[in-house]
C-alpha atoms as a PDB file:
ATOM      1  CA  MET A   1     -87.089   9.537 133.461  1.00  0.00           C
ATOM      2  CA  SER A   2     -88.843   7.500 130.822  1.00  0.00           C
ATOM      3  CA  LEU A   3     -91.985   5.518 131.463  1.00  0.00           C
ATOM      4  CA  ARG A   4     -92.042   2.015 130.078  1.00  0.00           C
ATOM      5  CA  LYS A   5     -95.333   0.546 128.913  1.00  0.00           C
ATOM      6  CA  ASN A   6     -95.933  -2.824 130.540  1.00  0.00           C
ATOM      7  CA  ILE A   7     -98.421  -4.629 128.337  1.00  0.00           C
ATOM      8  CA  LYS A   8     -98.789  -7.435 130.876  1.00  0.00           C
ATOM      9  CA  ARG A   9     -99.861  -5.125 133.694  1.00  0.00           C
ATOM     10  CA  SER A  10    -102.647  -6.463 135.922  1.00  0.00           C
ATOM     11  CA  LYS A  11    -106.073  -4.870 136.397  1.00  0.00           C
ATOM     12  CA  PHE A  12    -104.791  -3.536 139.716  1.00  0.00           C
ATOM     13  CA  GLY A  13    -101.730  -2.047 138.010  1.00  0.00           C
ATOM     14  CA  LYS A  14    -103.853  -0.390 135.333  1.00  0.00           C
ATOM     15  CA  TRP A  15    -106.115   1.051 138.044  1.00  0.00           C
ATOM     16  CA  LEU A  16    -103.141   2.490 139.963  1.00  0.00           C
ATOM     17  CA  ASP A  17    -101.871   4.087 136.749  1.00  0.00           C
ATOM     18  CA  ALA A  18    -105.291   5.545 135.948  1.00  0.00           C
ATOM     19  CA  LYS A  19    -105.486   7.068 139.435  1.00  0.00           C
ATOM     20  CA  GLY A  20    -101.918   8.388 139.240  1.00  0.00           C
ATOM     21  CA  ILE A  21    -100.850   6.460 142.330  1.00  0.00           C
ATOM     22  CA  THR A  22     -97.332   5.075 142.598  1.00  0.00           C
ATOM     23  CA  GLN A  23     -96.621   1.582 143.842  1.00  0.00           C
ATOM     24  CA  ILE A  24     -94.530   3.065 146.658  1.00  0.00           C
ATOM     25  CA  ASP A  25     -97.298   5.410 147.815  1.00  0.00           C
ATOM     26  CA  PHE A  26     -99.855   2.602 147.760  1.00  0.00           C
ATOM     27  CA  ALA A  27     -97.504   0.264 149.632  1.00  0.00           C
ATOM     28  CA  ASP A  28     -96.841   2.860 152.326  1.00  0.00           C
ATOM     29  CA  THR A  29    -100.525   3.735 152.736  1.00  0.00           C
ATOM     30  CA  SER A  30    -101.749   0.135 152.781  1.00  0.00           C
ATOM     31  CA  LYS A  31     -98.915  -1.165 154.992  1.00  0.00           C
ATOM     32  CA  VAL A  32     -98.266  -3.916 152.417  1.00  0.00           C
ATOM     33  CA  SER A  33     -94.684  -4.586 151.307  1.00  0.00           C
ATOM     34  CA  ARG A  34     -93.429  -2.943 148.137  1.00  0.00           C
ATOM     35  CA  LYS A  35     -92.527  -6.384 146.773  1.00  0.00           C
ATOM     36  CA  THR A  36     -96.128  -7.567 147.169  1.00  0.00           C
ATOM     37  CA  ILE A  37     -97.499  -4.395 145.562  1.00  0.00           C
ATOM     38  CA  TRP A  38     -95.045  -4.899 142.674  1.00  0.00           C
ATOM     39  CA  ARG A  39     -96.405  -8.431 142.191  1.00  0.00           C
ATOM     40  CA  LEU A  40     -99.999  -7.184 142.317  1.00  0.00           C
ATOM     41  CA  TYR A  41     -99.131  -4.467 139.811  1.00  0.00           C
ATOM     42  CA  ASN A  42     -97.351  -6.698 137.303  1.00  0.00           C
ATOM     43  CA  GLU A  43     -98.583 -10.285 137.656  1.00  0.00           C
ATOM     44  CA  LYS A  44    -102.097 -10.830 136.307  1.00  0.00           C
ATOM     45  CA  ASP A  45    -102.491 -14.219 137.991  1.00  0.00           C
ATOM     46  CA  TYR A  46    -101.150 -13.271 141.440  1.00  0.00           C
ATOM     47  CA  ILE A  47    -103.733 -13.559 144.205  1.00  0.00           C
ATOM     48  CA  PRO A  48    -102.640 -12.338 147.655  1.00  0.00           C
ATOM     49  CA  SER A  49    -103.456 -13.991 150.962  1.00  0.00           C
ATOM     50  CA  SER A  50    -106.731 -12.986 152.594  1.00  0.00           C
ATOM     51  CA  SER A  51    -105.034 -10.753 155.182  1.00  0.00           C
ATOM     52  CA  ILE A  52    -103.109  -8.867 152.480  1.00  0.00           C
ATOM     53  CA  LEU A  53    -106.224  -8.685 150.319  1.00  0.00           C
ATOM     54  CA  LYS A  54    -108.140  -7.026 153.185  1.00  0.00           C
ATOM     55  CA  LYS A  55    -105.435  -4.351 153.577  1.00  0.00           C
ATOM     56  CA  ILE A  56    -105.359  -3.715 149.837  1.00  0.00           C
ATOM     57  CA  MET A  57    -109.115  -3.415 149.463  1.00  0.00           C
ATOM     58  CA  LYS A  58    -109.408  -1.203 152.549  1.00  0.00           C
ATOM     59  CA  THR A  59    -106.923   1.199 150.953  1.00  0.00           C
ATOM     60  CA  VAL A  60    -108.548   0.926 147.504  1.00  0.00           C
ATOM     61  CA  ARG A  61    -111.914   1.878 149.008  1.00  0.00           C
ATOM     62  CA  THR A  62    -110.483   5.038 150.537  1.00  0.00           C
ATOM     63  CA  ILE A  63    -109.848   6.093 146.913  1.00  0.00           C
ATOM     64  CA  ASP A  64    -112.895   4.542 145.209  1.00  0.00           C
ATOM     65  CA  LYS A  65    -115.554   3.243 147.589  1.00  0.00           C
ATOM     66  CA  ASN A  66    -117.333   1.320 144.824  1.00  0.00           C
ATOM     67  CA  LYS A  67    -114.431  -0.978 143.939  1.00  0.00           C
ATOM     68  CA  LYS A  68    -114.848  -4.669 144.685  1.00  0.00           C
ATOM     69  CA  THR A  69    -112.312  -7.457 145.023  1.00  0.00           C
ATOM     70  CA  ASP A  70    -113.423  -9.068 141.772  1.00  0.00           C
ATOM     71  CA  ASP A  71    -112.672  -5.820 139.904  1.00  0.00           C
ATOM     72  CA  PHE A  72    -108.994  -6.769 140.324  1.00  0.00           C
ATOM     73  CA  PHE A  73    -108.805 -10.471 141.136  1.00  0.00           C
ATOM     74  CA  ASP A  74    -110.361 -13.626 139.716  1.00  0.00           C
ATOM     75  CA  ILE A  75    -111.220 -15.305 142.995  1.00  0.00           C
END
């Protein structure tokens, strides 16, 4: 399996890569759809709804308690 470099990856996507977490694992843990996680991973300008954002940040903070929403999203 070859890994493709995605230059346009979002801050969230880069963070997942740095932590060695797959999109599928994060989606399953956070209870957010894989399609939404894919968008968060790849689309720099995508901002999820507030309910999805809460689930994402709750899961992120189980991995790194110091992360804030604005570390990933320009809200």
